[in-house]
């Protein structure tokens, strides 16, 4: 039962970024994204991923990898679509 809760949580957290990734890609606008938030989130997820790899928890390794990918995509979009962005914060 606990593993099911962990899987559900990982899917929800990973899936929560999908609408933002899709919207940013479709509109080609990223000025509303905070690069400071995205970079902080990326570092936190990377540290959490390192911990999960050390512990060997496959459920969270997969979930965090997905979240890292989504956050990485948003950071990429921020730089790729930055024509309308005036500042980093």
C-alpha atoms as a PDB file:
ATOM      1  CA  UNK A   1       0.000   0.000   0.000  1.00  0.00           C
ATOM      2  CA  UNK A   2       2.781   2.445   0.894  1.00  0.00           C
ATOM      3  CA  UNK A   3       4.529   1.770  -2.421  1.00  0.00           C
ATOM      4  CA  UNK A   4       1.292   2.579  -4.260  1.00  0.00           C
ATOM      5  CA  UNK A   5       1.141   5.910  -2.459  1.00  0.00           C
ATOM      6  CA  UNK A   6       4.767   6.589  -3.451  1.00  0.00           C
ATOM      7  CA  UNK A   7       4.077   5.742  -7.103  1.00  0.00           C
ATOM      8  CA  UNK A   8       0.961   7.933  -7.129  1.00  0.00           C
ATOM      9  CA  UNK A   9       2.880  10.829  -5.586  1.00  0.00           C
ATOM     10  CA  UNK A  10       5.717  10.500  -8.092  1.00  0.00           C
ATOM     11  CA  UNK A  11       3.302  10.443 -11.025  1.00  0.00           C
ATOM     12  CA  UNK A  12       1.418  13.491  -9.736  1.00  0.00           C
ATOM     13  CA  UNK A  13       4.573  15.519  -9.075  1.00  0.00           C
ATOM     14  CA  UNK A  14       6.076  14.653 -12.448  1.00  0.00           C
ATOM     15  CA  UNK A  15       2.798  15.233 -14.257  1.00  0.00           C
ATOM     16  CA  UNK A  16       2.275  18.601 -12.613  1.00  0.00           C
ATOM     17  CA  UNK A  17       4.940  20.180 -14.855  1.00  0.00           C
ATOM     18  CA  UNK A  18       3.537  18.805 -18.109  1.00  0.00           C
ATOM     19  CA  UNK A  19       0.867  21.529 -18.598  1.00  0.00           C
ATOM     20  CA  UNK A  20       3.506  24.256 -18.125  1.00  0.00           C
ATOM     21  CA  UNK A  21       5.920  22.565 -20.538  1.00  0.00           C
ATOM     22  CA  UNK A  22       3.178  22.192 -23.158  1.00  0.00           C
ATOM     23  CA  UNK A  23       1.952  25.786 -22.731  1.00  0.00           C
ATOM     24  CA  UNK A  24       5.462  27.218 -22.933  1.00  0.00           C
ATOM     25  CA  UNK A  25       6.256  25.184 -26.024  1.00  0.00           C
ATOM     26  CA  UNK A  26       3.009  26.099 -27.785  1.00  0.00           C
ATOM     27  CA  UNK A  27       3.141  29.829 -27.027  1.00  0.00           C
ATOM     28  CA  UNK A  28       6.921  30.135 -27.420  1.00  0.00           C
ATOM     29  CA  UNK A  29       6.843  32.574 -24.496  1.00  0.00           C
ATOM     30  CA  UNK A  30       8.691  32.107 -21.230  1.00  0.00           C
ATOM     31  CA  UNK A  31       8.676  35.565 -19.681  1.00  0.00           C
ATOM     32  CA  UNK A  32       6.318  34.440 -16.919  1.00  0.00           C
ATOM     33  CA  UNK A  33       8.685  31.680 -15.821  1.00  0.00           C
ATOM     34  CA  UNK A  34      11.038  32.518 -12.968  1.00  0.00           C
ATOM     35  CA  UNK A  35      14.524  31.296 -13.840  1.00  0.00           C
ATOM     36  CA  UNK A  36      15.541  31.644 -10.179  1.00  0.00           C
ATOM     37  CA  UNK A  37      12.744  29.267  -9.185  1.00  0.00           C
ATOM     38  CA  UNK A  38      13.539  26.828 -11.985  1.00  0.00           C
ATOM     39  CA  UNK A  39      17.260  26.743 -11.194  1.00  0.00           C
ATOM     40  CA  UNK A  40      16.596  26.272  -7.471  1.00  0.00           C
ATOM     41  CA  UNK A  41      14.133  23.491  -8.255  1.00  0.00           C
ATOM     42  CA  UNK A  42      16.649  21.845 -10.590  1.00  0.00           C
ATOM     43  CA  UNK A  43      19.372  21.847  -7.924  1.00  0.00           C
ATOM     44  CA  UNK A  44      16.975  20.483  -5.311  1.00  0.00           C
ATOM     45  CA  UNK A  45      15.772  17.723  -7.622  1.00  0.00           C
ATOM     46  CA  UNK A  46      19.345  16.825  -8.570  1.00  0.00           C
ATOM     47  CA  UNK A  47      20.302  16.493  -4.895  1.00  0.00           C
ATOM     48  CA  UNK A  48      17.194  14.438  -4.208  1.00  0.00           C
ATOM     49  CA  UNK A  49      17.999  12.252  -7.225  1.00  0.00           C
ATOM     50  CA  UNK A  50      21.513  11.642  -5.876  1.00  0.00           C
ATOM     51  CA  UNK A  51      20.011  10.593  -2.559  1.00  0.00           C
ATOM     52  CA  UNK A  52      17.477   8.285  -4.226  1.00  0.00           C
ATOM     53  CA  UNK A  53      20.237   6.686  -6.298  1.00  0.00           C
ATOM     54  CA  UNK A  54      22.264   6.124  -3.127  1.00  0.00           C
ATOM     55  CA  UNK A  55      19.289   4.572  -1.329  1.00  0.00           C
ATOM     56  CA  UNK A  56      18.286   2.632  -4.447  1.00  0.00           C
ATOM     57  CA  UNK A  57      14.585   3.488  -4.383  1.00  0.00           C
ATOM     58  CA  UNK A  58      13.473   2.836  -7.964  1.00  0.00           C
ATOM     59  CA  UNK A  59      10.075   4.509  -7.572  1.00  0.00           C
ATOM     60  CA  UNK A  60      11.617   7.828  -6.592  1.00  0.00           C
ATOM     61  CA  UNK A  61      14.531   7.496  -9.004  1.00  0.00           C
ATOM     62  CA  UNK A  62      12.068   7.315 -11.898  1.00  0.00           C
ATOM     63  CA  UNK A  63       9.824  10.070 -10.508  1.00  0.00           C
ATOM     64  CA  UNK A  64      12.706  12.447  -9.841  1.00  0.00           C
ATOM     65  CA  UNK A  65      14.243  11.706 -13.234  1.00  0.00           C
ATOM     66  CA  UNK A  66      10.961  12.694 -14.868  1.00  0.00           C
ATOM     67  CA  UNK A  67      10.765  15.877 -12.772  1.00  0.00           C
ATOM     68  CA  UNK A  68      14.380  16.708 -13.640  1.00  0.00           C
ATOM     69  CA  UNK A  69      13.553  16.280 -17.320  1.00  0.00           C
ATOM     70  CA  UNK A  70      10.486  18.547 -17.129  1.00  0.00           C
ATOM     71  CA  UNK A  71      12.374  21.223 -15.184  1.00  0.00           C
ATOM     72  CA  UNK A  72      15.289  20.961 -17.606  1.00  0.00           C
ATOM     73  CA  UNK A  73      12.895  21.473 -20.518  1.00  0.00           C
ATOM     74  CA  UNK A  74      11.427  24.565 -18.902  1.00  0.00           C
ATOM     75  CA  UNK A  75      14.926  25.988 -18.359  1.00  0.00           C
ATOM     76  CA  UNK A  76      15.792  25.229 -21.968  1.00  0.00           C
ATOM     77  CA  UNK A  77      12.597  26.959 -23.125  1.00  0.00           C
ATOM     78  CA  UNK A  78      13.382  29.940 -20.897  1.00  0.00           C
ATOM     79  CA  UNK A  79      16.678  30.427 -22.711  1.00  0.00           C
ATOM     80  CA  UNK A  80      15.351  29.484 -26.160  1.00  0.00           C
ATOM     81  CA  UNK A  81      12.361  31.831 -25.990  1.00  0.00           C
ATOM     82  CA  UNK A  82      14.053  34.639 -24.060  1.00  0.00           C
ATOM     83  CA  UNK A  83      13.492  37.278 -26.729  1.00  0.00           C
ATOM     84  CA  UNK A  84      10.814  38.808 -24.508  1.00  0.00           C
ATOM     85  CA  UNK A  85      12.633  38.350 -21.208  1.00  0.00           C
ATOM     86  CA  UNK A  86      14.244  41.468 -19.747  1.00  0.00           C
ATOM     87  CA  UNK A  87      15.794  40.124 -16.542  1.00  0.00           C
ATOM     88  CA  UNK A  88      16.812  36.892 -14.867  1.00  0.00           C
ATOM     89  CA  UNK A  89      14.587  37.383 -11.828  1.00  0.00           C
END
